[in-house]
Amino acid sequence: MSAAAMTVDSLVLPLKGRLIGVDLGTKTIGLALSDVERRIATPLTTLKRIKFGRDAEALAAKAAEFEAVGLVIGLPLALDGKDSPRAQATRAFVREYLRLYAIPLAFWDERMSTAAVERDLIANDVSRAKRAEVIDKMAAAYILQGALDRLTRR
């Protein structure tokens, strides 16, 4: 399956197993982890971006560490639903990643995920410094939870 066509609806997975949600930024990669039953997404960690090879290796190491059976990658589409430059960069990352690592992977529309998470953090009176520390992994959890909810309805 090409990187352009992968969706959660087309994701083929074993009945149980953890998924990792990925918020792929330009400076960091936010990660979230599902439970084995795929009901709840929990923020996991934030990786600093270095260069593709090291970033891909770090992502693969986290997937192996938590025995993830698949990845859900946030796709930052433009508000009109078309590919943005960031979406194109995300697709390129995924294409190269899949050349190195064999794991089921799907995109999830992440429009407004970081903004939604930031609004929630502000509403809960989280300081600016603490928000900066947790926003990427919380955005990954937001992305992953949306995909988990969709998989449950499928």
N, C-alpha and C. Protein backbone atom coordinates (compact mmCIF):
# COMPACT_ATOMS: atom_id res chain seq x y z
N MET A 1 0.85 -1.18 0.00
CA MET A 1 0.00 0.00 0.00
C MET A 1 0.89 1.24 0.00
N SER A 2 0.57 2.22 -0.79
CA SER A 2 1.40 3.42 -0.85
C SER A 2 1.15 4.31 0.35
N ALA A 3 2.13 5.15 0.65
CA ALA A 3 2.00 6.06 1.78
C ALA A 3 0.85 7.03 1.58
N ALA A 4 0.47 7.30 0.36
CA ALA A 4 -0.61 8.23 0.10
C ALA A 4 -1.98 7.65 0.41
N ALA A 5 -2.11 6.34 0.40
CA ALA A 5 -3.43 5.72 0.50
C ALA A 5 -3.77 5.13 1.86
N MET A 6 -2.83 5.12 2.78
CA MET A 6 -3.07 4.45 4.05
C MET A 6 -4.03 5.24 4.93
N THR A 7 -5.08 4.58 5.38
CA THR A 7 -6.02 5.18 6.32
C THR A 7 -6.29 4.19 7.43
N VAL A 8 -6.83 4.66 8.51
CA VAL A 8 -7.16 3.78 9.63
C VAL A 8 -8.15 2.72 9.18
N ASP A 9 -9.07 3.07 8.28
CA ASP A 9 -10.06 2.11 7.81
C ASP A 9 -9.44 0.96 7.02
N SER A 10 -8.27 1.19 6.42
CA SER A 10 -7.63 0.13 5.65
C SER A 10 -6.52 -0.58 6.43
N LEU A 11 -6.33 -0.20 7.68
CA LEU A 11 -5.28 -0.79 8.51
C LEU A 11 -5.65 -2.22 8.89
N VAL A 12 -4.76 -3.15 8.59
CA VAL A 12 -4.96 -4.56 8.94
C VAL A 12 -4.07 -4.87 10.14
N LEU A 13 -4.72 -5.27 11.24
CA LEU A 13 -4.02 -5.49 12.49
C LEU A 13 -4.44 -6.79 13.14
N PRO A 14 -3.59 -7.34 14.01
CA PRO A 14 -4.06 -8.47 14.83
C PRO A 14 -5.17 -7.97 15.75
N LEU A 15 -5.95 -8.88 16.33
CA LEU A 15 -7.08 -8.48 17.17
C LEU A 15 -6.68 -7.63 18.37
N LYS A 16 -5.53 -7.92 18.95
CA LYS A 16 -5.06 -7.15 20.10
C LYS A 16 -3.63 -6.72 19.87
N GLY A 17 -3.24 -5.69 20.57
CA GLY A 17 -1.88 -5.18 20.48
C GLY A 17 -1.86 -3.67 20.52
N ARG A 18 -0.80 -3.15 21.05
CA ARG A 18 -0.66 -1.71 21.21
C ARG A 18 -0.40 -1.01 19.87
N LEU A 19 -0.89 0.23 19.80
CA LEU A 19 -0.57 1.11 18.69
C LEU A 19 0.18 2.31 19.24
N ILE A 20 1.03 2.88 18.43
CA ILE A 20 1.72 4.11 18.81
C ILE A 20 1.20 5.22 17.91
N GLY A 21 0.79 6.31 18.53
CA GLY A 21 0.39 7.52 17.82
C GLY A 21 1.59 8.42 17.66
N VAL A 22 1.70 9.07 16.51
CA VAL A 22 2.87 9.88 16.21
C VAL A 22 2.45 11.26 15.74
N ASP A 23 2.94 12.30 16.42
CA ASP A 23 2.78 13.68 16.00
C ASP A 23 4.15 14.12 15.51
N LEU A 24 4.34 14.09 14.20
CA LEU A 24 5.64 14.34 13.58
C LEU A 24 5.81 15.83 13.32
N GLY A 25 6.60 16.48 14.17
CA GLY A 25 6.86 17.91 14.00
C GLY A 25 8.20 18.14 13.33
N THR A 26 8.53 19.40 13.14
CA THR A 26 9.81 19.72 12.52
C THR A 26 10.96 19.63 13.50
N LYS A 27 10.68 19.83 14.80
CA LYS A 27 11.73 19.80 15.82
C LYS A 27 11.60 18.63 16.78
N THR A 28 10.39 18.09 16.90
CA THR A 28 10.14 17.00 17.84
C THR A 28 9.16 15.99 17.23
N ILE A 29 9.13 14.82 17.85
CA ILE A 29 8.16 13.78 17.49
C ILE A 29 7.44 13.40 18.77
N GLY A 30 6.16 13.74 18.85
CA GLY A 30 5.37 13.36 20.01
C GLY A 30 4.86 11.94 19.82
N LEU A 31 4.93 11.14 20.89
CA LEU A 31 4.47 9.75 20.83
C LEU A 31 3.42 9.49 21.90
N ALA A 32 2.46 8.66 21.55
CA ALA A 32 1.44 8.21 22.49
C ALA A 32 1.30 6.71 22.31
N LEU A 33 0.77 6.04 23.32
CA LEU A 33 0.66 4.59 23.32
C LEU A 33 -0.76 4.19 23.69
N SER A 34 -1.28 3.20 22.98
CA SER A 34 -2.59 2.66 23.33
C SER A 34 -2.41 1.48 24.27
N ASP A 35 -3.49 1.11 24.93
CA ASP A 35 -3.49 -0.13 25.69
C ASP A 35 -3.63 -1.29 24.70
N VAL A 36 -3.45 -2.50 25.15
CA VAL A 36 -3.50 -3.68 24.28
C VAL A 36 -4.88 -3.84 23.64
N GLU A 37 -5.91 -3.44 24.36
CA GLU A 37 -7.28 -3.56 23.85
C GLU A 37 -7.64 -2.44 22.88
N ARG A 38 -6.74 -1.45 22.75
CA ARG A 38 -6.92 -0.30 21.86
C ARG A 38 -8.14 0.55 22.21
N ARG A 39 -8.26 0.87 23.47
CA ARG A 39 -9.38 1.71 23.91
C ARG A 39 -8.93 3.10 24.32
N ILE A 40 -7.74 3.19 24.93
CA ILE A 40 -7.29 4.46 25.51
C ILE A 40 -5.89 4.79 25.01
N ALA A 41 -5.72 6.04 24.61
CA ALA A 41 -4.40 6.55 24.21
C ALA A 41 -3.82 7.35 25.36
N THR A 42 -2.55 7.10 25.65
CA THR A 42 -1.85 7.78 26.74
C THR A 42 -0.60 8.46 26.18
N PRO A 43 -0.37 9.72 26.54
CA PRO A 43 0.87 10.36 26.10
C PRO A 43 2.07 9.54 26.58
N LEU A 44 3.07 9.38 25.71
CA LEU A 44 4.23 8.55 26.04
C LEU A 44 5.49 9.38 26.24
N THR A 45 5.97 10.01 25.19
CA THR A 45 7.22 10.76 25.27
C THR A 45 7.33 11.70 24.07
N THR A 46 8.32 12.56 24.13
CA THR A 46 8.64 13.44 23.01
C THR A 46 10.10 13.20 22.64
N LEU A 47 10.32 12.90 21.38
CA LEU A 47 11.67 12.69 20.87
C LEU A 47 12.14 13.96 20.16
N LYS A 48 13.38 14.33 20.37
CA LYS A 48 13.96 15.46 19.63
C LYS A 48 14.34 14.98 18.23
N ARG A 49 13.98 15.77 17.21
CA ARG A 49 14.37 15.42 15.83
C ARG A 49 15.85 15.72 15.66
N ILE A 50 16.54 14.79 14.98
CA ILE A 50 17.96 14.98 14.72
C ILE A 50 18.18 14.96 13.21
N LYS A 51 18.03 13.80 12.62
CA LYS A 51 18.04 13.63 11.17
C LYS A 51 17.25 12.37 10.90
N PHE A 52 16.83 12.16 9.67
CA PHE A 52 15.89 11.08 9.38
C PHE A 52 16.32 9.74 9.95
N GLY A 53 17.53 9.30 9.67
CA GLY A 53 17.97 7.97 10.11
C GLY A 53 17.85 7.77 11.61
N ARG A 54 18.30 8.76 12.35
CA ARG A 54 18.23 8.66 13.82
C ARG A 54 16.79 8.77 14.31
N ASP A 55 16.00 9.63 13.66
CA ASP A 55 14.59 9.78 14.04
C ASP A 55 13.84 8.47 13.81
N ALA A 56 14.06 7.87 12.64
CA ALA A 56 13.39 6.61 12.30
C ALA A 56 13.82 5.50 13.26
N GLU A 57 15.10 5.46 13.57
CA GLU A 57 15.62 4.45 14.49
C GLU A 57 15.01 4.61 15.89
N ALA A 58 14.88 5.84 16.36
CA ALA A 58 14.29 6.09 17.68
C ALA A 58 12.81 5.69 17.70
N LEU A 59 12.09 5.99 16.63
CA LEU A 59 10.68 5.60 16.53
C LEU A 59 10.54 4.08 16.50
N ALA A 60 11.37 3.42 15.72
CA ALA A 60 11.33 1.95 15.65
C ALA A 60 11.69 1.33 17.00
N ALA A 61 12.63 1.94 17.71
CA ALA A 61 13.02 1.41 19.03
C ALA A 61 11.85 1.51 20.01
N LYS A 62 11.11 2.63 19.98
CA LYS A 62 9.94 2.76 20.86
C LYS A 62 8.87 1.74 20.48
N ALA A 63 8.65 1.55 19.20
CA ALA A 63 7.67 0.55 18.75
C ALA A 63 8.06 -0.84 19.24
N ALA A 64 9.34 -1.16 19.15
CA ALA A 64 9.81 -2.48 19.62
C ALA A 64 9.72 -2.58 21.14
N GLU A 65 10.11 -1.53 21.83
CA GLU A 65 10.08 -1.54 23.30
C GLU A 65 8.69 -1.84 23.84
N PHE A 66 7.67 -1.25 23.20
CA PHE A 66 6.30 -1.43 23.68
C PHE A 66 5.52 -2.48 22.88
N GLU A 67 6.24 -3.23 22.02
CA GLU A 67 5.65 -4.29 21.22
C GLU A 67 4.43 -3.80 20.44
N ALA A 68 4.58 -2.62 19.85
CA ALA A 68 3.48 -2.03 19.06
C ALA A 68 3.26 -2.84 17.80
N VAL A 69 1.99 -3.01 17.44
CA VAL A 69 1.65 -3.76 16.23
C VAL A 69 1.33 -2.83 15.06
N GLY A 70 1.36 -1.52 15.31
CA GLY A 70 1.10 -0.57 14.25
C GLY A 70 1.32 0.86 14.72
N LEU A 71 1.42 1.76 13.75
CA LEU A 71 1.60 3.18 14.02
C LEU A 71 0.45 3.97 13.40
N VAL A 72 0.05 5.02 14.08
CA VAL A 72 -0.92 5.98 13.54
C VAL A 72 -0.20 7.32 13.48
N ILE A 73 -0.01 7.81 12.28
CA ILE A 73 0.75 9.03 12.05
C ILE A 73 -0.22 10.18 11.78
N GLY A 74 -0.08 11.25 12.55
CA GLY A 74 -0.89 12.43 12.30
C GLY A 74 -0.51 13.06 10.98
N LEU A 75 -1.50 13.34 10.15
CA LEU A 75 -1.27 13.96 8.84
C LEU A 75 -1.78 15.39 8.88
N PRO A 76 -0.86 16.38 8.87
CA PRO A 76 -1.27 17.78 9.00
C PRO A 76 -1.77 18.38 7.69
N LEU A 77 -3.00 18.04 7.35
CA LEU A 77 -3.62 18.57 6.14
C LEU A 77 -3.93 20.06 6.32
N ALA A 78 -4.06 20.76 5.21
CA ALA A 78 -4.50 22.15 5.24
C ALA A 78 -5.98 22.17 5.64
N LEU A 79 -6.48 23.32 6.04
CA LEU A 79 -7.87 23.41 6.47
C LEU A 79 -8.86 23.00 5.39
N ASP A 80 -8.48 23.14 4.12
CA ASP A 80 -9.36 22.74 3.03
C ASP A 80 -9.27 21.25 2.71
N GLY A 81 -8.46 20.51 3.50
CA GLY A 81 -8.34 19.06 3.32
C GLY A 81 -7.26 18.64 2.35
N LYS A 82 -6.58 19.59 1.75
CA LYS A 82 -5.51 19.27 0.80
C LYS A 82 -4.19 19.14 1.54
N ASP A 83 -3.21 18.53 0.86
CA ASP A 83 -1.89 18.39 1.46
C ASP A 83 -1.25 19.76 1.66
N SER A 84 -0.73 19.95 2.85
CA SER A 84 0.07 21.12 3.16
C SER A 84 1.53 20.74 2.96
N PRO A 85 2.44 21.70 2.99
CA PRO A 85 3.86 21.33 2.93
C PRO A 85 4.25 20.37 4.05
N ARG A 86 3.70 20.55 5.25
CA ARG A 86 3.99 19.63 6.37
C ARG A 86 3.43 18.24 6.09
N ALA A 87 2.26 18.17 5.46
CA ALA A 87 1.69 16.86 5.12
C ALA A 87 2.58 16.16 4.10
N GLN A 88 3.08 16.90 3.14
CA GLN A 88 3.99 16.32 2.14
C GLN A 88 5.27 15.81 2.81
N ALA A 89 5.79 16.57 3.76
CA ALA A 89 6.99 16.14 4.49
C ALA A 89 6.69 14.90 5.33
N THR A 90 5.51 14.84 5.91
CA THR A 90 5.11 13.66 6.69
C THR A 90 5.01 12.44 5.80
N ARG A 91 4.40 12.58 4.64
CA ARG A 91 4.30 11.46 3.69
C ARG A 91 5.69 10.99 3.26
N ALA A 92 6.60 11.93 3.04
CA ALA A 92 7.97 11.57 2.64
C ALA A 92 8.67 10.81 3.78
N PHE A 93 8.50 11.26 5.01
CA PHE A 93 9.07 10.56 6.16
C PHE A 93 8.55 9.14 6.20
N VAL A 94 7.24 8.96 6.04
CA VAL A 94 6.62 7.64 6.10
C VAL A 94 7.13 6.74 4.97
N ARG A 95 7.22 7.28 3.76
CA ARG A 95 7.74 6.48 2.64
C ARG A 95 9.12 5.93 2.96
N GLU A 96 9.99 6.78 3.45
CA GLU A 96 11.35 6.35 3.78
C GLU A 96 11.36 5.41 4.98
N TYR A 97 10.52 5.68 5.97
CA TYR A 97 10.44 4.82 7.16
C TYR A 97 10.04 3.40 6.77
N LEU A 98 9.04 3.29 5.89
CA LEU A 98 8.55 1.97 5.49
C LEU A 98 9.56 1.20 4.64
N ARG A 99 10.53 1.88 4.07
CA ARG A 99 11.62 1.18 3.36
C ARG A 99 12.54 0.48 4.35
N LEU A 100 12.61 0.99 5.58
CA LEU A 100 13.50 0.45 6.60
C LEU A 100 12.81 -0.49 7.58
N TYR A 101 11.55 -0.21 7.89
CA TYR A 101 10.84 -0.95 8.94
C TYR A 101 9.49 -1.42 8.43
N ALA A 102 9.20 -2.68 8.66
CA ALA A 102 7.93 -3.27 8.24
C ALA A 102 6.98 -3.27 9.43
N ILE A 103 6.02 -2.37 9.41
CA ILE A 103 5.01 -2.29 10.46
C ILE A 103 3.75 -1.69 9.85
N PRO A 104 2.57 -2.20 10.19
CA PRO A 104 1.35 -1.57 9.69
C PRO A 104 1.31 -0.10 10.14
N LEU A 105 0.91 0.75 9.25
CA LEU A 105 0.94 2.18 9.50
C LEU A 105 -0.22 2.85 8.79
N ALA A 106 -0.82 3.82 9.44
CA ALA A 106 -1.92 4.56 8.82
C ALA A 106 -1.82 6.03 9.19
N PHE A 107 -2.38 6.86 8.34
CA PHE A 107 -2.47 8.29 8.60
C PHE A 107 -3.79 8.60 9.30
N TRP A 108 -3.77 9.64 10.13
CA TRP A 108 -4.97 10.16 10.76
C TRP A 108 -4.95 11.67 10.60
N ASP A 109 -6.04 12.23 10.10
CA ASP A 109 -6.16 13.67 9.90
C ASP A 109 -5.97 14.37 11.25
N GLU A 110 -4.93 15.15 11.36
CA GLU A 110 -4.63 15.80 12.64
C GLU A 110 -4.91 17.29 12.63
N ARG A 111 -5.69 17.76 11.67
CA ARG A 111 -5.99 19.19 11.65
C ARG A 111 -6.50 19.64 13.00
N MET A 112 -5.92 20.67 13.50
CA MET A 112 -6.34 21.33 14.74
C MET A 112 -6.03 20.53 16.02
N SER A 113 -5.33 19.41 15.93
CA SER A 113 -5.07 18.61 17.14
C SER A 113 -4.23 19.37 18.16
N THR A 114 -3.16 20.01 17.71
CA THR A 114 -2.31 20.74 18.65
C THR A 114 -3.08 21.91 19.25
N ALA A 115 -3.88 22.59 18.43
CA ALA A 115 -4.67 23.72 18.95
C ALA A 115 -5.69 23.24 19.98
N ALA A 116 -6.33 22.10 19.73
CA ALA A 116 -7.30 21.56 20.68
C ALA A 116 -6.63 21.19 21.99
N VAL A 117 -5.47 20.56 21.91
CA VAL A 117 -4.74 20.17 23.12
C VAL A 117 -4.29 21.41 23.87
N GLU A 118 -3.79 22.41 23.15
CA GLU A 118 -3.33 23.63 23.81
C GLU A 118 -4.48 24.35 24.51
N ARG A 119 -5.65 24.42 23.87
CA ARG A 119 -6.83 25.03 24.51
C ARG A 119 -7.17 24.31 25.80
N ASP A 120 -7.11 22.99 25.77
CA ASP A 120 -7.41 22.19 26.96
C ASP A 120 -6.39 22.45 28.07
N LEU A 121 -5.13 22.52 27.72
CA LEU A 121 -4.10 22.79 28.72
C LEU A 121 -4.26 24.18 29.32
N ILE A 122 -4.57 25.16 28.49
CA ILE A 122 -4.78 26.52 28.99
C ILE A 122 -6.00 26.55 29.91
N ALA A 123 -7.08 25.87 29.51
CA ALA A 123 -8.28 25.82 30.33
C ALA A 123 -8.01 25.19 31.69
N ASN A 124 -7.02 24.30 31.73
CA ASN A 124 -6.64 23.65 32.99
C ASN A 124 -5.49 24.38 33.69
N ASP A 125 -5.23 25.62 33.26
CA ASP A 125 -4.26 26.49 33.90
C ASP A 125 -2.85 25.92 33.94
N VAL A 126 -2.46 25.23 32.87
CA VAL A 126 -1.11 24.69 32.77
C VAL A 126 -0.18 25.81 32.29
N SER A 127 0.94 25.98 32.96
CA SER A 127 1.87 27.06 32.61
C SER A 127 2.40 26.90 31.19
N ARG A 128 2.86 28.01 30.64
CA ARG A 128 3.42 28.00 29.28
C ARG A 128 4.60 27.03 29.18
N ALA A 129 5.47 27.02 30.19
CA ALA A 129 6.64 26.13 30.18
C ALA A 129 6.21 24.66 30.21
N LYS A 130 5.24 24.33 31.04
CA LYS A 130 4.75 22.95 31.13
C LYS A 130 4.03 22.56 29.83
N ARG A 131 3.28 23.48 29.24
CA ARG A 131 2.59 23.20 27.96
C ARG A 131 3.62 22.84 26.90
N ALA A 132 4.70 23.62 26.82
CA ALA A 132 5.74 23.35 25.81
C ALA A 132 6.35 21.97 26.02
N GLU A 133 6.44 21.55 27.26
CA GLU A 133 7.05 20.26 27.59
C GLU A 133 6.17 19.08 27.19
N VAL A 134 4.85 19.24 27.25
CA VAL A 134 3.95 18.10 27.06
C VAL A 134 3.10 18.15 25.80
N ILE A 135 3.07 19.27 25.10
CA ILE A 135 2.11 19.45 24.00
C ILE A 135 2.25 18.40 22.90
N ASP A 136 3.48 18.04 22.52
CA ASP A 136 3.66 17.11 21.40
C ASP A 136 3.17 15.71 21.72
N LYS A 137 3.48 15.20 22.90
CA LYS A 137 3.01 13.86 23.25
C LYS A 137 1.51 13.86 23.52
N MET A 138 0.97 14.98 24.00
CA MET A 138 -0.47 15.06 24.20
C MET A 138 -1.21 15.16 22.85
N ALA A 139 -0.60 15.86 21.90
CA ALA A 139 -1.18 15.91 20.55
C ALA A 139 -1.16 14.52 19.93
N ALA A 140 -0.09 13.76 20.16
CA ALA A 140 -0.02 12.39 19.66
C ALA A 140 -1.13 11.54 20.28
N ALA A 141 -1.41 11.74 21.57
CA ALA A 141 -2.49 11.00 22.23
C ALA A 141 -3.85 11.39 21.65
N TYR A 142 -4.03 12.67 21.34
CA TYR A 142 -5.26 13.16 20.73
C TYR A 142 -5.47 12.50 19.36
N ILE A 143 -4.41 12.45 18.57
CA ILE A 143 -4.45 11.81 17.25
C ILE A 143 -4.78 10.33 17.40
N LEU A 144 -4.06 9.66 18.28
CA LEU A 144 -4.25 8.22 18.46
C LEU A 144 -5.65 7.92 18.99
N GLN A 145 -6.16 8.72 19.92
CA GLN A 145 -7.49 8.46 20.46
C GLN A 145 -8.55 8.57 19.38
N GLY A 146 -8.41 9.53 18.48
CA GLY A 146 -9.35 9.64 17.36
C GLY A 146 -9.34 8.39 16.50
N ALA A 147 -8.15 7.88 16.23
CA ALA A 147 -8.03 6.66 15.43
C ALA A 147 -8.58 5.45 16.18
N LEU A 148 -8.32 5.36 17.48
CA LEU A 148 -8.85 4.24 18.27
C LEU A 148 -10.38 4.26 18.27
N ASP A 149 -10.95 5.44 18.43
CA ASP A 149 -12.41 5.56 18.42
C ASP A 149 -12.97 5.09 17.07
N ARG A 150 -12.29 5.45 16.01
CA ARG A 150 -12.72 5.03 14.66
C ARG A 150 -12.59 3.51 14.51
N LEU A 151 -11.49 2.94 14.98
CA LEU A 151 -11.31 1.49 14.89
C LEU A 151 -12.39 0.75 15.68
N THR A 152 -12.80 1.30 16.80
CA THR A 152 -13.85 0.67 17.63
C THR A 152 -15.17 0.64 16.87
N ARG A 153 -15.46 1.70 16.13
CA ARG A 153 -16.71 1.77 15.35
C ARG A 153 -16.68 0.95 14.07
N ARG A 154 -15.49 0.58 13.63
CA ARG A 154 -15.31 -0.13 12.35
C ARG A 154 -15.88 -1.51 12.38
